[in-house]
Every structure is written in C-alpha cells, then in structure tokens.
Amino acid sequence: MTQEKAVELGSEALTVAILLAGPVLLAALVIGLIVGMFQAATQINEQTLSFVPKLAGLAVVLFLMTPWMTQVIVDFTQGLYEGIPGMLR
C-alpha cells in the first residue's frame, strides 16, 4: 500500500466518522441551545431539565437516522473489502 493510498483511506474514514456523528451532535447542540435559552428566560436551573429533552431528542434522531447511518457504514466497509486486492500490490 502506498503512502498516498493510506492517507486517502484515513481521510475517507474520518469523513465517514463525521457523517455518522454529525446528526447526533447537531441534534444535541440544537436541543441544548433551546433548553438553555428556556432555562435562562425562566431562571430554572434544574439539571434534569436539560438532560431529559436531550435524551429524548437523541433517541428520536437515532431512530430516524439509523437506516441512513447503517447504509453509510456498510458502503464504506464494502469499499474497504473490495479494495483489498489493490492494497496488496
């Protein structure tokens, strides 16, 4: 395997990792901002108030995005297996 191929493979792996983590992190960010603004407006400083909506929101996002995430990781893995003969040269 050449050095360029290894860098390309690492770059593709990082891209897949960002694609998989992006929706979950974005949902947590948006929910956290909304809950934070609500807590600031009402001056309620309860820790569970920020935890429960994030947990529920992330569960919904994972439920909705799992088919797409599975397809992304399957495509990446199939590409790796198909590229094995080229890596052995």
PDB file of N, CA and C in Angstrom:
ATOM      1  N   MET A   1       0.849  -1.166   0.000  1.00  0.00           N
ATOM      2  CA  MET A   1       0.000   0.000   0.000  1.00  0.00           C
ATOM      3  C   MET A   1       0.899   1.234   0.000  1.00  0.00           C
ATOM      4  N   THR A   2       0.571   2.153  -0.871  1.00  0.00           N
ATOM      5  CA  THR A   2       1.366   3.373  -0.950  1.00  0.00           C
ATOM      6  C   THR A   2       0.943   4.350   0.140  1.00  0.00           C
ATOM      7  N   GLN A   3       1.785   5.315   0.352  1.00  0.00           N
ATOM      8  CA  GLN A   3       1.517   6.320   1.370  1.00  0.00           C
ATOM      9  C   GLN A   3       0.290   7.167   0.994  1.00  0.00           C
ATOM     10  N   GLU A   4       0.149   7.454  -0.282  1.00  0.00           N
ATOM     11  CA  GLU A   4      -1.000   8.238  -0.743  1.00  0.00           C
ATOM     12  C   GLU A   4      -2.309   7.495  -0.515  1.00  0.00           C
ATOM     13  N   LYS A   5      -2.286   6.182  -0.759  1.00  0.00           N
ATOM     14  CA  LYS A   5      -3.484   5.362  -0.560  1.00  0.00           C
ATOM     15  C   LYS A   5      -3.849   5.305   0.927  1.00  0.00           C
ATOM     16  N   ALA A   6      -2.850   5.224   1.795  1.00  0.00           N
ATOM     17  CA  ALA A   6      -3.111   5.187   3.229  1.00  0.00           C
ATOM     18  C   ALA A   6      -3.715   6.506   3.713  1.00  0.00           C
ATOM     19  N   VAL A   7      -3.207   7.620   3.203  1.00  0.00           N
ATOM     20  CA  VAL A   7      -3.750   8.928   3.573  1.00  0.00           C
ATOM     21  C   VAL A   7      -5.177   9.071   3.043  1.00  0.00           C
ATOM     22  N   GLU A   8      -5.410   8.613   1.832  1.00  0.00           N
ATOM     23  CA  GLU A   8      -6.756   8.674   1.246  1.00  0.00           C
ATOM     24  C   GLU A   8      -7.744   7.828   2.055  1.00  0.00           C
ATOM     25  N   LEU A   9      -7.316   6.652   2.460  1.00  0.00           N
ATOM     26  CA  LEU A   9      -8.162   5.771   3.258  1.00  0.00           C
ATOM     27  C   LEU A   9      -8.462   6.380   4.626  1.00  0.00           C
ATOM     28  N   GLY A  10      -7.463   6.981   5.248  1.00  0.00           N
ATOM     29  CA  GLY A  10      -7.672   7.653   6.531  1.00  0.00           C
ATOM     30  C   GLY A  10      -8.608   8.839   6.402  1.00  0.00           C
ATOM     31  N   SER A  11      -8.464   9.583   5.324  1.00  0.00           N
ATOM     32  CA  SER A  11      -9.342  10.727   5.080  1.00  0.00           C
ATOM     33  C   SER A  11     -10.780  10.275   4.877  1.00  0.00           C
ATOM     34  N   GLU A  12     -10.962   9.211   4.140  1.00  0.00           N
ATOM     35  CA  GLU A  12     -12.310   8.681   3.919  1.00  0.00           C
ATOM     36  C   GLU A  12     -12.922   8.160   5.224  1.00  0.00           C
ATOM     37  N   ALA A  13     -12.101   7.533   6.060  1.00  0.00           N
ATOM     38  CA  ALA A  13     -12.591   7.037   7.350  1.00  0.00           C
ATOM     39  C   ALA A  13     -13.023   8.195   8.243  1.00  0.00           C
ATOM     40  N   LEU A  14     -12.261   9.278   8.250  1.00  0.00           N
ATOM     41  CA  LEU A  14     -12.650  10.449   9.037  1.00  0.00           C
ATOM     42  C   LEU A  14     -13.923  11.084   8.495  1.00  0.00           C
ATOM     43  N   THR A  15     -14.084  11.113   7.191  1.00  0.00           N
ATOM     44  CA  THR A  15     -15.302  11.656   6.592  1.00  0.00           C
ATOM     45  C   THR A  15     -16.515  10.831   7.005  1.00  0.00           C
ATOM     46  N   VAL A  16     -16.378   9.518   6.986  1.00  0.00           N
ATOM     47  CA  VAL A  16     -17.480   8.649   7.400  1.00  0.00           C
ATOM     48  C   VAL A  16     -17.792   8.859   8.880  1.00  0.00           C
ATOM     49  N   ALA A  17     -16.770   8.992   9.698  1.00  0.00           N
ATOM     50  CA  ALA A  17     -16.994   9.225  11.129  1.00  0.00           C
ATOM     51  C   ALA A  17     -17.737  10.538  11.369  1.00  0.00           C
ATOM     52  N   ILE A  18     -17.376  11.570  10.635  1.00  0.00           N
ATOM     53  CA  ILE A  18     -18.062  12.867  10.770  1.00  0.00           C
ATOM     54  C   ILE A  18     -19.505  12.754  10.284  1.00  0.00           C
ATOM     55  N   LEU A  19     -19.716  12.042   9.195  1.00  0.00           N
ATOM     56  CA  LEU A  19     -21.083  11.854   8.690  1.00  0.00           C
ATOM     57  C   LEU A  19     -21.952  11.102   9.696  1.00  0.00           C
ATOM     58  N   LEU A  20     -21.381  10.114  10.368  1.00  0.00           N
ATOM     59  CA  LEU A  20     -22.148   9.332  11.324  1.00  0.00           C
ATOM     60  C   LEU A  20     -22.414  10.100  12.615  1.00  0.00           C
ATOM     61  N   ALA A  21     -21.456  10.887  13.060  1.00  0.00           N
ATOM     62  CA  ALA A  21     -21.619  11.606  14.321  1.00  0.00           C
ATOM     63  C   ALA A  21     -22.351  12.929  14.148  1.00  0.00           C
ATOM     64  N   GLY A  22     -22.354  13.479  12.947  1.00  0.00           N
ATOM     65  CA  GLY A  22     -22.928  14.797  12.700  1.00  0.00           C
ATOM     66  C   GLY A  22     -24.376  14.969  13.109  1.00  0.00           C
ATOM     67  N   PRO A  23     -25.288  14.109  12.660  1.00  0.00           N
ATOM     68  CA  PRO A  23     -26.695  14.312  13.025  1.00  0.00           C
ATOM     69  C   PRO A  23     -26.942  14.255  14.535  1.00  0.00           C
ATOM     70  N   VAL A  24     -26.276  13.352  15.210  1.00  0.00           N
ATOM     71  CA  VAL A  24     -26.468  13.220  16.659  1.00  0.00           C
ATOM     72  C   VAL A  24     -25.921  14.449  17.381  1.00  0.00           C
ATOM     73  N   LEU A  25     -24.736  14.885  16.998  1.00  0.00           N
ATOM     74  CA  LEU A  25     -24.141  16.056  17.647  1.00  0.00           C
ATOM     75  C   LEU A  25     -24.926  17.327  17.342  1.00  0.00           C
ATOM     76  N   LEU A  26     -25.400  17.458  16.117  1.00  0.00           N
ATOM     77  CA  LEU A  26     -26.191  18.627  15.753  1.00  0.00           C
ATOM     78  C   LEU A  26     -27.509  18.668  16.529  1.00  0.00           C
ATOM     79  N   ALA A  27     -28.152  17.518  16.674  1.00  0.00           N
ATOM     80  CA  ALA A  27     -29.395  17.465  17.448  1.00  0.00           C
ATOM     81  C   ALA A  27     -29.137  17.825  18.911  1.00  0.00           C
ATOM     82  N   ALA A  28     -28.054  17.314  19.488  1.00  0.00           N
ATOM     83  CA  ALA A  28     -27.728  17.638  20.876  1.00  0.00           C
ATOM     84  C   ALA A  28     -27.437  19.128  21.029  1.00  0.00           C
ATOM     85  N   LEU A  29     -26.781  19.715  20.060  1.00  0.00           N
ATOM     86  CA  LEU A  29     -26.478  21.144  20.101  1.00  0.00           C
ATOM     87  C   LEU A  29     -27.745  21.983  20.047  1.00  0.00           C
ATOM     88  N   VAL A  30     -28.625  21.661  19.116  1.00  0.00           N
ATOM     89  CA  VAL A  30     -29.860  22.432  18.959  1.00  0.00           C
ATOM     90  C   VAL A  30     -30.748  22.292  20.194  1.00  0.00           C
ATOM     91  N   ILE A  31     -30.916  21.073  20.672  1.00  0.00           N
ATOM     92  CA  ILE A  31     -31.745  20.860  21.858  1.00  0.00           C
ATOM     93  C   ILE A  31     -31.125  21.548  23.070  1.00  0.00           C
ATOM     94  N   GLY A  32     -29.817  21.474  23.204  1.00  0.00           N
ATOM     95  CA  GLY A  32     -29.137  22.135  24.314  1.00  0.00           C
ATOM     96  C   GLY A  32     -29.304  23.645  24.283  1.00  0.00           C
ATOM     97  N   LEU A  33     -29.216  24.229  23.089  1.00  0.00           N
ATOM     98  CA  LEU A  33     -29.416  25.678  22.962  1.00  0.00           C
ATOM     99  C   LEU A  33     -30.840  26.087  23.315  1.00  0.00           C
ATOM    100  N   ILE A  34     -31.807  25.321  22.846  1.00  0.00           N
ATOM    101  CA  ILE A  34     -33.204  25.638  23.145  1.00  0.00           C
ATOM    102  C   ILE A  34     -33.487  25.521  24.636  1.00  0.00           C
ATOM    103  N   VAL A  35     -33.028  24.450  25.247  1.00  0.00           N
ATOM    104  CA  VAL A  35     -33.240  24.263  26.684  1.00  0.00           C
ATOM    105  C   VAL A  35     -32.481  25.325  27.469  1.00  0.00           C
ATOM    106  N   GLY A  36     -31.285  25.663  27.030  1.00  0.00           N
ATOM    107  CA  GLY A  36     -30.508  26.705  27.706  1.00  0.00           C
ATOM    108  C   GLY A  36     -31.194  28.056  27.662  1.00  0.00           C
ATOM    109  N   MET A  37     -31.759  28.396  26.498  1.00  0.00           N
ATOM    110  CA  MET A  37     -32.491  29.668  26.405  1.00  0.00           C
ATOM    111  C   MET A  37     -33.740  29.649  27.285  1.00  0.00           C
ATOM    112  N   PHE A  38     -34.418  28.509  27.339  1.00  0.00           N
ATOM    113  CA  PHE A  38     -35.594  28.384  28.198  1.00  0.00           C
ATOM    114  C   PHE A  38     -35.203  28.529  29.665  1.00  0.00           C
ATOM    115  N   GLN A  39     -34.101  27.895  30.059  1.00  0.00           N
ATOM    116  CA  GLN A  39     -33.654  27.999  31.451  1.00  0.00           C
ATOM    117  C   GLN A  39     -33.226  29.422  31.783  1.00  0.00           C
ATOM    118  N   ALA A  40     -32.596  30.108  30.855  1.00  0.00           N
ATOM    119  CA  ALA A  40     -32.176  31.487  31.105  1.00  0.00           C
ATOM    120  C   ALA A  40     -33.379  32.414  31.204  1.00  0.00           C
ATOM    121  N   ALA A  41     -34.382  32.160  30.392  1.00  0.00           N
ATOM    122  CA  ALA A  41     -35.562  33.023  30.404  1.00  0.00           C
ATOM    123  C   ALA A  41     -36.405  32.831  31.667  1.00  0.00           C
ATOM    124  N   THR A  42     -36.470  31.587  32.134  1.00  0.00           N
ATOM    125  CA  THR A  42     -37.306  31.301  33.308  1.00  0.00           C
ATOM    126  C   THR A  42     -36.511  31.238  34.603  1.00  0.00           C
ATOM    127  N   GLN A  43     -35.194  31.297  34.523  1.00  0.00           N
ATOM    128  CA  GLN A  43     -34.295  31.195  35.674  1.00  0.00           C
ATOM    129  C   GLN A  43     -34.483  29.889  36.439  1.00  0.00           C
ATOM    130  N   ILE A  44     -34.804  28.833  35.722  1.00  0.00           N
ATOM    131  CA  ILE A  44     -34.891  27.497  36.309  1.00  0.00           C
ATOM    132  C   ILE A  44     -33.545  26.814  36.066  1.00  0.00           C
ATOM    133  N   ASN A  45     -32.864  26.438  37.114  1.00  0.00           N
ATOM    134  CA  ASN A  45     -31.540  25.822  36.981  1.00  0.00           C
ATOM    135  C   ASN A  45     -31.572  24.366  37.425  1.00  0.00           C
ATOM    136  N   GLU A  46     -32.461  23.602  36.866  1.00  0.00           N
ATOM    137  CA  GLU A  46     -32.576  22.192  37.193  1.00  0.00           C
ATOM    138  C   GLU A  46     -31.774  21.371  36.177  1.00  0.00           C
ATOM    139  N   GLN A  47     -30.887  20.520  36.649  1.00  0.00           N
ATOM    140  CA  GLN A  47     -30.019  19.743  35.761  1.00  0.00           C
ATOM    141  C   GLN A  47     -30.805  18.738  34.926  1.00  0.00           C
ATOM    142  N   THR A  48     -31.841  18.137  35.510  1.00  0.00           N
ATOM    143  CA  THR A  48     -32.597  17.135  34.759  1.00  0.00           C
ATOM    144  C   THR A  48     -33.401  17.768  33.636  1.00  0.00           C
ATOM    145  N   LEU A  49     -33.674  19.051  33.728  1.00  0.00           N
ATOM    146  CA  LEU A  49     -34.421  19.727  32.669  1.00  0.00           C
ATOM    147  C   LEU A  49     -33.633  19.745  31.368  1.00  0.00           C
ATOM    148  N   SER A  50     -32.327  19.782  31.434  1.00  0.00           N
ATOM    149  CA  SER A  50     -31.526  19.756  30.211  1.00  0.00           C
ATOM    150  C   SER A  50     -31.217  18.324  29.767  1.00  0.00           C
ATOM    151  N   PHE A  51     -31.203  17.393  30.699  1.00  0.00           N
ATOM    152  CA  PHE A  51     -30.829  16.014  30.366  1.00  0.00           C
ATOM    153  C   PHE A  51     -31.957  15.260  29.667  1.00  0.00           C
ATOM    154  N   VAL A  52     -33.154  15.357  30.196  1.00  0.00           N
ATOM    155  CA  VAL A  52     -34.272  14.570  29.668  1.00  0.00           C
ATOM    156  C   VAL A  52     -34.626  14.957  28.227  1.00  0.00           C
ATOM    157  N   PRO A  53     -34.755  16.240  27.872  1.00  0.00           N
ATOM    158  CA  PRO A  53     -35.057  16.553  26.463  1.00  0.00           C
ATOM    159  C   PRO A  53     -33.941  16.124  25.507  1.00  0.00           C
ATOM    160  N   LYS A  54     -32.685  16.248  25.934  1.00  0.00           N
ATOM    161  CA  LYS A  54     -31.581  15.800  25.074  1.00  0.00           C
ATOM    162  C   LYS A  54     -31.661  14.300  24.850  1.00  0.00           C
ATOM    163  N   LEU A  55     -31.916  13.557  25.910  1.00  0.00           N
ATOM    164  CA  LEU A  55     -32.003  12.106  25.792  1.00  0.00           C
ATOM    165  C   LEU A  55     -33.140  11.703  24.860  1.00  0.00           C
ATOM    166  N   ALA A  56     -34.292  12.329  25.011  1.00  0.00           N
ATOM    167  CA  ALA A  56     -35.433  12.014  24.151  1.00  0.00           C
ATOM    168  C   ALA A  56     -35.155  12.431  22.706  1.00  0.00           C
ATOM    169  N   GLY A  57     -34.579  13.606  22.515  1.00  0.00           N
ATOM    170  CA  GLY A  57     -34.273  14.077  21.163  1.00  0.00           C
ATOM    171  C   GLY A  57     -33.255  13.200  20.466  1.00  0.00           C
ATOM    172  N   LEU A  58     -32.233  12.783  21.193  1.00  0.00           N
ATOM    173  CA  LEU A  58     -31.215  11.926  20.594  1.00  0.00           C
ATOM    174  C   LEU A  58     -31.777  10.553  20.257  1.00  0.00           C
ATOM    175  N   ALA A  59     -32.684  10.059  21.090  1.00  0.00           N
ATOM    176  CA  ALA A  59     -33.327   8.778  20.784  1.00  0.00           C
ATOM    177  C   ALA A  59     -34.133   8.880  19.493  1.00  0.00           C
ATOM    178  N   VAL A  60     -34.846   9.988  19.314  1.00  0.00           N
ATOM    179  CA  VAL A  60     -35.634  10.194  18.087  1.00  0.00           C
ATOM    180  C   VAL A  60     -34.709  10.307  16.876  1.00  0.00           C
ATOM    181  N   VAL A  61     -33.638  11.077  17.015  1.00  0.00           N
ATOM    182  CA  VAL A  61     -32.698  11.241  15.897  1.00  0.00           C
ATOM    183  C   VAL A  61     -32.062   9.907  15.533  1.00  0.00           C
ATOM    184  N   LEU A  62     -31.642   9.146  16.515  1.00  0.00           N
ATOM    185  CA  LEU A  62     -31.047   7.836  16.222  1.00  0.00           C
ATOM    186  C   LEU A  62     -32.054   6.904  15.571  1.00  0.00           C
ATOM    187  N   PHE A  63     -33.301   6.945  16.041  1.00  0.00           N
ATOM    188  CA  PHE A  63     -34.341   6.098  15.452  1.00  0.00           C
ATOM    189  C   PHE A  63     -34.565   6.452  13.982  1.00  0.00           C
ATOM    190  N   LEU A  64     -34.591   7.744  13.688  1.00  0.00           N
ATOM    191  CA  LEU A  64     -34.849   8.182  12.318  1.00  0.00           C
ATOM    192  C   LEU A  64     -33.641   8.017  11.397  1.00  0.00           C
ATOM    193  N   MET A  65     -32.442   8.202  11.932  1.00  0.00           N
ATOM    194  CA  MET A  65     -31.240   8.212  11.099  1.00  0.00           C
ATOM    195  C   MET A  65     -30.533   6.857  11.003  1.00  0.00           C
ATOM    196  N   THR A  66     -30.949   5.871  11.779  1.00  0.00           N
ATOM    197  CA  THR A  66     -30.261   4.579  11.778  1.00  0.00           C
ATOM    198  C   THR A  66     -30.202   3.921  10.401  1.00  0.00           C
ATOM    199  N   PRO A  67     -31.280   3.911   9.603  1.00  0.00           N
ATOM    200  CA  PRO A  67     -31.145   3.284   8.275  1.00  0.00           C
ATOM    201  C   PRO A  67     -30.082   3.963   7.404  1.00  0.00           C
ATOM    202  N   TRP A  68     -30.050   5.287   7.420  1.00  0.00           N
ATOM    203  CA  TRP A  68     -29.058   6.004   6.626  1.00  0.00           C
ATOM    204  C   TRP A  68     -27.650   5.752   7.165  1.00  0.00           C
ATOM    205  N   MET A  69     -27.492   5.799   8.488  1.00  0.00           N
ATOM    206  CA  MET A  69     -26.172   5.563   9.084  1.00  0.00           C
ATOM    207  C   MET A  69     -25.678   4.156   8.776  1.00  0.00           C
ATOM    208  N   THR A  70     -26.581   3.198   8.833  1.00  0.00           N
ATOM    209  CA  THR A  70     -26.206   1.821   8.522  1.00  0.00           C
ATOM    210  C   THR A  70     -25.751   1.707   7.070  1.00  0.00           C
ATOM    211  N   GLN A  71     -26.439   2.367   6.177  1.00  0.00           N
ATOM    212  CA  GLN A  71     -26.071   2.316   4.757  1.00  0.00           C
ATOM    213  C   GLN A  71     -24.701   2.949   4.516  1.00  0.00           C
ATOM    214  N   VAL A  72     -24.418   4.057   5.201  1.00  0.00           N
ATOM    215  CA  VAL A  72     -23.118   4.722   5.047  1.00  0.00           C
ATOM    216  C   VAL A  72     -21.990   3.796   5.506  1.00  0.00           C
ATOM    217  N   ILE A  73     -22.148   3.172   6.664  1.00  0.00           N
ATOM    218  CA  ILE A  73     -21.068   2.322   7.179  1.00  0.00           C
ATOM    219  C   ILE A  73     -20.939   1.034   6.359  1.00  0.00           C
ATOM    220  N   VAL A  74     -22.049   0.511   5.851  1.00  0.00           N
ATOM    221  CA  VAL A  74     -21.989  -0.686   5.001  1.00  0.00           C
ATOM    222  C   VAL A  74     -21.282  -0.364   3.689  1.00  0.00           C
ATOM    223  N   ASP A  75     -21.606   0.771   3.083  1.00  0.00           N
ATOM    224  CA  ASP A  75     -20.936   1.165   1.839  1.00  0.00           C
ATOM    225  C   ASP A  75     -19.436   1.352   2.052  1.00  0.00           C
ATOM    226  N   PHE A  76     -19.060   1.972   3.163  1.00  0.00           N
ATOM    227  CA  PHE A  76     -17.640   2.173   3.458  1.00  0.00           C
ATOM    228  C   PHE A  76     -16.935   0.826   3.643  1.00  0.00           C
ATOM    229  N   THR A  77     -17.565  -0.074   4.388  1.00  0.00           N
ATOM    230  CA  THR A  77     -16.954  -1.379   4.644  1.00  0.00           C
ATOM    231  C   THR A  77     -16.842  -2.204   3.366  1.00  0.00           C
ATOM    232  N   GLN A  78     -17.879  -2.163   2.530  1.00  0.00           N
ATOM    233  CA  GLN A  78     -17.806  -2.877   1.253  1.00  0.00           C
ATOM    234  C   GLN A  78     -16.693  -2.319   0.373  1.00  0.00           C
ATOM    235  N   GLY A  79     -16.522  -1.003   0.388  1.00  0.00           N
ATOM    236  CA  GLY A  79     -15.430  -0.396  -0.373  1.00  0.00           C
ATOM    237  C   GLY A  79     -14.069  -0.844   0.134  1.00  0.00           C
ATOM    238  N   LEU A  80     -13.955  -0.984   1.457  1.00  0.00           N
ATOM    239  CA  LEU A  80     -12.693  -1.478   2.022  1.00  0.00           C
ATOM    240  C   LEU A  80     -12.401  -2.905   1.573  1.00  0.00           C
ATOM    241  N   TYR A  81     -13.420  -3.769   1.656  1.00  0.00           N
ATOM    242  CA  TYR A  81     -13.212  -5.161   1.262  1.00  0.00           C
ATOM    243  C   TYR A  81     -12.923  -5.290  -0.229  1.00  0.00           C
ATOM    244  N   GLU A  82     -13.591  -4.494  -1.038  1.00  0.00           N
ATOM    245  CA  GLU A  82     -13.343  -4.553  -2.478  1.00  0.00           C
ATOM    246  C   GLU A  82     -11.965  -3.996  -2.836  1.00  0.00           C
ATOM    247  N   GLY A  83     -11.425  -3.124  -2.004  1.00  0.00           N
ATOM    248  CA  GLY A  83     -10.131  -2.533  -2.285  1.00  0.00           C
ATOM    249  C   GLY A  83      -8.948  -3.315  -1.754  1.00  0.00           C
ATOM    250  N   ILE A  84      -9.178  -4.416  -1.068  1.00  0.00           N
ATOM    251  CA  ILE A  84      -8.091  -5.195  -0.504  1.00  0.00           C
ATOM    252  C   ILE A  84      -7.100  -5.690  -1.571  1.00  0.00           C
ATOM    253  N   PRO A  85      -7.547  -6.219  -2.696  1.00  0.00           N
ATOM    254  CA  PRO A  85      -6.559  -6.655  -3.705  1.00  0.00           C
ATOM    255  C   PRO A  85      -5.651  -5.518  -4.183  1.00  0.00           C
ATOM    256  N   GLY A  86      -6.189  -4.324  -4.306  1.00  0.00           N
ATOM    257  CA  GLY A  86      -5.368  -3.200  -4.736  1.00  0.00           C
ATOM    258  C   GLY A  86      -4.393  -2.749  -3.676  1.00  0.00           C
ATOM    259  N   MET A  87      -4.708  -3.006  -2.408  1.00  0.00           N
ATOM    260  CA  MET A  87      -3.811  -2.606  -1.326  1.00  0.00           C
ATOM    261  C   MET A  87      -2.626  -3.548  -1.174  1.00  0.00           C
ATOM    262  N   LEU A  88      -2.740  -4.753  -1.696  1.00  0.00           N
ATOM    263  CA  LEU A  88      -1.676  -5.740  -1.542  1.00  0.00           C
ATOM    264  C   LEU A  88      -0.565  -5.590  -2.558  1.00  0.00           C
ATOM    265  N   ARG A  89      -0.737  -4.719  -3.542  1.00  0.00           N
ATOM    266  CA  ARG A  89       0.289  -4.553  -4.590  1.00  0.00           C
ATOM    267  C   ARG A  89       1.445  -3.749  -4.101  1.00  0.00           C
TER     268      ARG A  89
END
